[in-house]
């Protein structure tokens, strides 16, 4: 199972409904050494996987710190 090891929270904006929207091109690095390119405008919701990873869950964890 893959997991996110590198993501820039400042490239995303949290919306009032709890979802996250990408605000600029973002490269997400994974444990399996993949790089996932995320385009501006893409929306992520917790529990929904994109390319095998839950981007919203990871952003929630990072932003809580």
N, C-alpha and C. Protein backbone atom coordinates (compact mmCIF):
# COMPACT_ATOMS: atom_id res chain seq x y z
N UNK A 1 0.84 -1.19 0.00
CA UNK A 1 0.00 0.00 0.00
C UNK A 1 0.88 1.25 0.00
N UNK A 2 0.55 2.17 -0.87
CA UNK A 2 1.33 3.40 -0.99
C UNK A 2 0.82 4.44 0.01
N UNK A 3 1.70 5.37 0.37
CA UNK A 3 1.30 6.47 1.25
C UNK A 3 2.10 7.71 0.89
N UNK A 4 1.56 8.85 1.24
CA UNK A 4 2.19 10.13 0.92
C UNK A 4 3.33 10.40 1.89
N UNK A 5 4.49 10.78 1.33
CA UNK A 5 5.63 11.15 2.17
C UNK A 5 6.03 12.61 1.96
N UNK A 6 5.54 13.24 0.87
CA UNK A 6 5.87 14.64 0.62
C UNK A 6 4.69 15.33 -0.05
N UNK A 7 4.22 16.38 0.61
CA UNK A 7 3.13 17.20 0.05
C UNK A 7 3.25 18.59 0.66
N UNK A 8 3.00 19.62 -0.14
CA UNK A 8 3.10 21.01 0.33
C UNK A 8 1.69 21.53 0.63
N UNK A 9 1.37 21.62 1.91
CA UNK A 9 0.03 22.03 2.33
C UNK A 9 -0.32 23.43 1.82
N UNK A 10 0.69 24.27 1.61
CA UNK A 10 0.42 25.63 1.13
C UNK A 10 -0.06 25.67 -0.33
N UNK A 11 0.00 24.54 -1.01
CA UNK A 11 -0.49 24.46 -2.39
C UNK A 11 -1.96 24.04 -2.46
N UNK A 12 -2.60 23.96 -1.27
CA UNK A 12 -4.00 23.55 -1.17
C UNK A 12 -4.74 24.51 -0.25
N UNK A 13 -6.05 24.59 -0.44
CA UNK A 13 -6.88 25.44 0.41
C UNK A 13 -8.03 24.59 0.94
N UNK A 14 -8.25 24.66 2.26
CA UNK A 14 -9.34 23.91 2.86
C UNK A 14 -10.64 24.69 2.72
N UNK A 15 -11.68 24.01 2.26
CA UNK A 15 -12.99 24.62 2.07
C UNK A 15 -13.88 24.39 3.29
N UNK A 16 -14.92 25.18 3.47
CA UNK A 16 -15.81 25.05 4.64
C UNK A 16 -16.44 23.65 4.79
N UNK A 17 -16.62 22.94 3.67
CA UNK A 17 -17.22 21.60 3.76
C UNK A 17 -16.20 20.51 4.13
N UNK A 18 -14.94 20.92 4.38
CA UNK A 18 -13.90 19.97 4.78
C UNK A 18 -13.08 19.43 3.63
N UNK A 19 -13.47 19.76 2.40
CA UNK A 19 -12.70 19.30 1.25
C UNK A 19 -11.48 20.21 1.06
N UNK A 20 -10.55 19.76 0.24
CA UNK A 20 -9.35 20.53 -0.08
C UNK A 20 -9.31 20.76 -1.59
N UNK A 21 -8.93 21.95 -2.01
CA UNK A 21 -8.78 22.24 -3.44
C UNK A 21 -7.33 22.65 -3.70
N UNK A 22 -6.78 22.13 -4.76
CA UNK A 22 -5.42 22.47 -5.17
C UNK A 22 -5.44 23.87 -5.77
N UNK A 23 -4.53 24.75 -5.34
CA UNK A 23 -4.52 26.13 -5.83
C UNK A 23 -3.35 26.42 -6.77
N UNK A 24 -2.39 25.50 -6.88
CA UNK A 24 -1.30 25.63 -7.84
C UNK A 24 -0.75 24.24 -8.13
N UNK A 25 -0.03 24.08 -9.23
CA UNK A 25 0.53 22.76 -9.54
C UNK A 25 1.25 22.20 -8.33
N UNK A 26 0.98 20.95 -8.02
CA UNK A 26 1.53 20.33 -6.82
C UNK A 26 2.04 18.93 -7.16
N UNK A 27 3.27 18.63 -6.73
CA UNK A 27 3.82 17.29 -6.90
C UNK A 27 3.79 16.59 -5.54
N UNK A 28 3.09 15.47 -5.50
CA UNK A 28 2.94 14.69 -4.27
C UNK A 28 3.85 13.48 -4.38
N UNK A 29 4.76 13.33 -3.41
CA UNK A 29 5.68 12.19 -3.40
C UNK A 29 5.14 11.08 -2.53
N UNK A 30 5.34 9.82 -2.98
CA UNK A 30 4.83 8.68 -2.22
C UNK A 30 5.96 7.76 -1.76
N UNK A 31 5.60 6.90 -0.83
CA UNK A 31 6.53 5.93 -0.26
C UNK A 31 7.14 5.01 -1.32
N UNK A 32 6.36 4.72 -2.37
CA UNK A 32 6.84 3.86 -3.45
C UNK A 32 7.59 4.65 -4.52
N UNK A 33 8.00 5.86 -4.15
CA UNK A 33 8.80 6.75 -5.00
C UNK A 33 8.08 7.20 -6.27
N UNK A 34 6.76 7.30 -6.19
CA UNK A 34 6.00 7.86 -7.29
C UNK A 34 5.83 9.36 -7.05
N UNK A 35 5.67 10.10 -8.12
CA UNK A 35 5.34 11.52 -8.03
C UNK A 35 4.00 11.70 -8.74
N UNK A 36 3.03 12.20 -7.99
CA UNK A 36 1.69 12.42 -8.54
C UNK A 36 1.52 13.91 -8.77
N UNK A 37 1.30 14.30 -10.02
CA UNK A 37 1.10 15.72 -10.35
C UNK A 37 -0.38 16.06 -10.17
N UNK A 38 -0.64 17.06 -9.33
CA UNK A 38 -2.00 17.51 -9.07
C UNK A 38 -2.16 18.90 -9.69
N UNK A 39 -3.21 19.06 -10.48
CA UNK A 39 -3.45 20.33 -11.17
C UNK A 39 -4.36 21.24 -10.34
N UNK A 40 -4.18 22.55 -10.50
CA UNK A 40 -5.05 23.50 -9.81
C UNK A 40 -6.52 23.24 -10.13
N UNK A 41 -7.36 23.37 -9.09
CA UNK A 41 -8.79 23.17 -9.26
C UNK A 41 -9.27 21.79 -8.86
N UNK A 42 -8.34 20.83 -8.73
CA UNK A 42 -8.74 19.49 -8.31
C UNK A 42 -9.19 19.52 -6.86
N UNK A 43 -10.28 18.83 -6.56
CA UNK A 43 -10.87 18.83 -5.22
C UNK A 43 -10.72 17.44 -4.61
N UNK A 44 -10.36 17.41 -3.32
CA UNK A 44 -10.15 16.14 -2.62
C UNK A 44 -10.99 16.11 -1.36
N UNK A 45 -11.63 14.96 -1.14
CA UNK A 45 -12.44 14.75 0.06
C UNK A 45 -11.88 13.56 0.83
N UNK A 46 -11.91 13.65 2.15
CA UNK A 46 -11.39 12.59 3.00
C UNK A 46 -12.12 11.27 2.71
N UNK A 47 -11.34 10.21 2.60
CA UNK A 47 -11.90 8.89 2.34
C UNK A 47 -11.94 8.53 0.86
N UNK A 48 -11.63 9.50 -0.01
CA UNK A 48 -11.62 9.26 -1.45
C UNK A 48 -10.17 9.23 -1.92
N UNK A 49 -9.77 8.11 -2.51
CA UNK A 49 -8.39 7.98 -2.94
C UNK A 49 -8.20 8.50 -4.36
N UNK A 50 -7.05 9.11 -4.59
CA UNK A 50 -6.64 9.59 -5.90
C UNK A 50 -5.29 8.95 -6.18
N UNK A 51 -5.21 8.18 -7.24
CA UNK A 51 -3.98 7.44 -7.57
C UNK A 51 -3.52 6.58 -6.39
N UNK A 52 -4.47 6.06 -5.63
CA UNK A 52 -4.16 5.14 -4.54
C UNK A 52 -3.85 5.78 -3.20
N UNK A 53 -3.93 7.11 -3.10
CA UNK A 53 -3.63 7.77 -1.82
C UNK A 53 -4.76 8.75 -1.46
N UNK A 54 -4.94 8.96 -0.17
CA UNK A 54 -5.97 9.87 0.34
C UNK A 54 -5.32 11.22 0.63
N UNK A 55 -5.37 12.11 -0.34
CA UNK A 55 -4.72 13.41 -0.22
C UNK A 55 -5.37 14.25 0.88
N UNK A 56 -6.70 14.27 0.95
CA UNK A 56 -7.40 15.08 1.96
C UNK A 56 -7.04 14.64 3.37
N UNK A 57 -6.98 13.34 3.60
CA UNK A 57 -6.62 12.84 4.94
C UNK A 57 -5.21 13.29 5.33
N UNK A 58 -4.28 13.20 4.40
CA UNK A 58 -2.91 13.63 4.68
C UNK A 58 -2.85 15.12 4.96
N UNK A 59 -3.55 15.93 4.17
CA UNK A 59 -3.57 17.38 4.40
C UNK A 59 -4.20 17.71 5.75
N UNK A 60 -5.26 17.00 6.14
CA UNK A 60 -5.86 17.21 7.46
C UNK A 60 -4.85 16.96 8.57
N UNK A 61 -4.09 15.88 8.44
CA UNK A 61 -3.10 15.53 9.48
C UNK A 61 -2.00 16.59 9.55
N UNK A 62 -1.51 17.02 8.41
CA UNK A 62 -0.43 18.02 8.38
C UNK A 62 -0.91 19.36 8.93
N UNK A 63 -2.10 19.79 8.53
CA UNK A 63 -2.60 21.09 8.95
C UNK A 63 -2.97 21.13 10.42
N UNK A 64 -3.18 19.98 11.02
CA UNK A 64 -3.51 19.93 12.45
C UNK A 64 -2.28 20.14 13.32
N UNK A 65 -1.09 19.98 12.75
CA UNK A 65 0.17 20.14 13.50
C UNK A 65 0.62 21.57 13.56
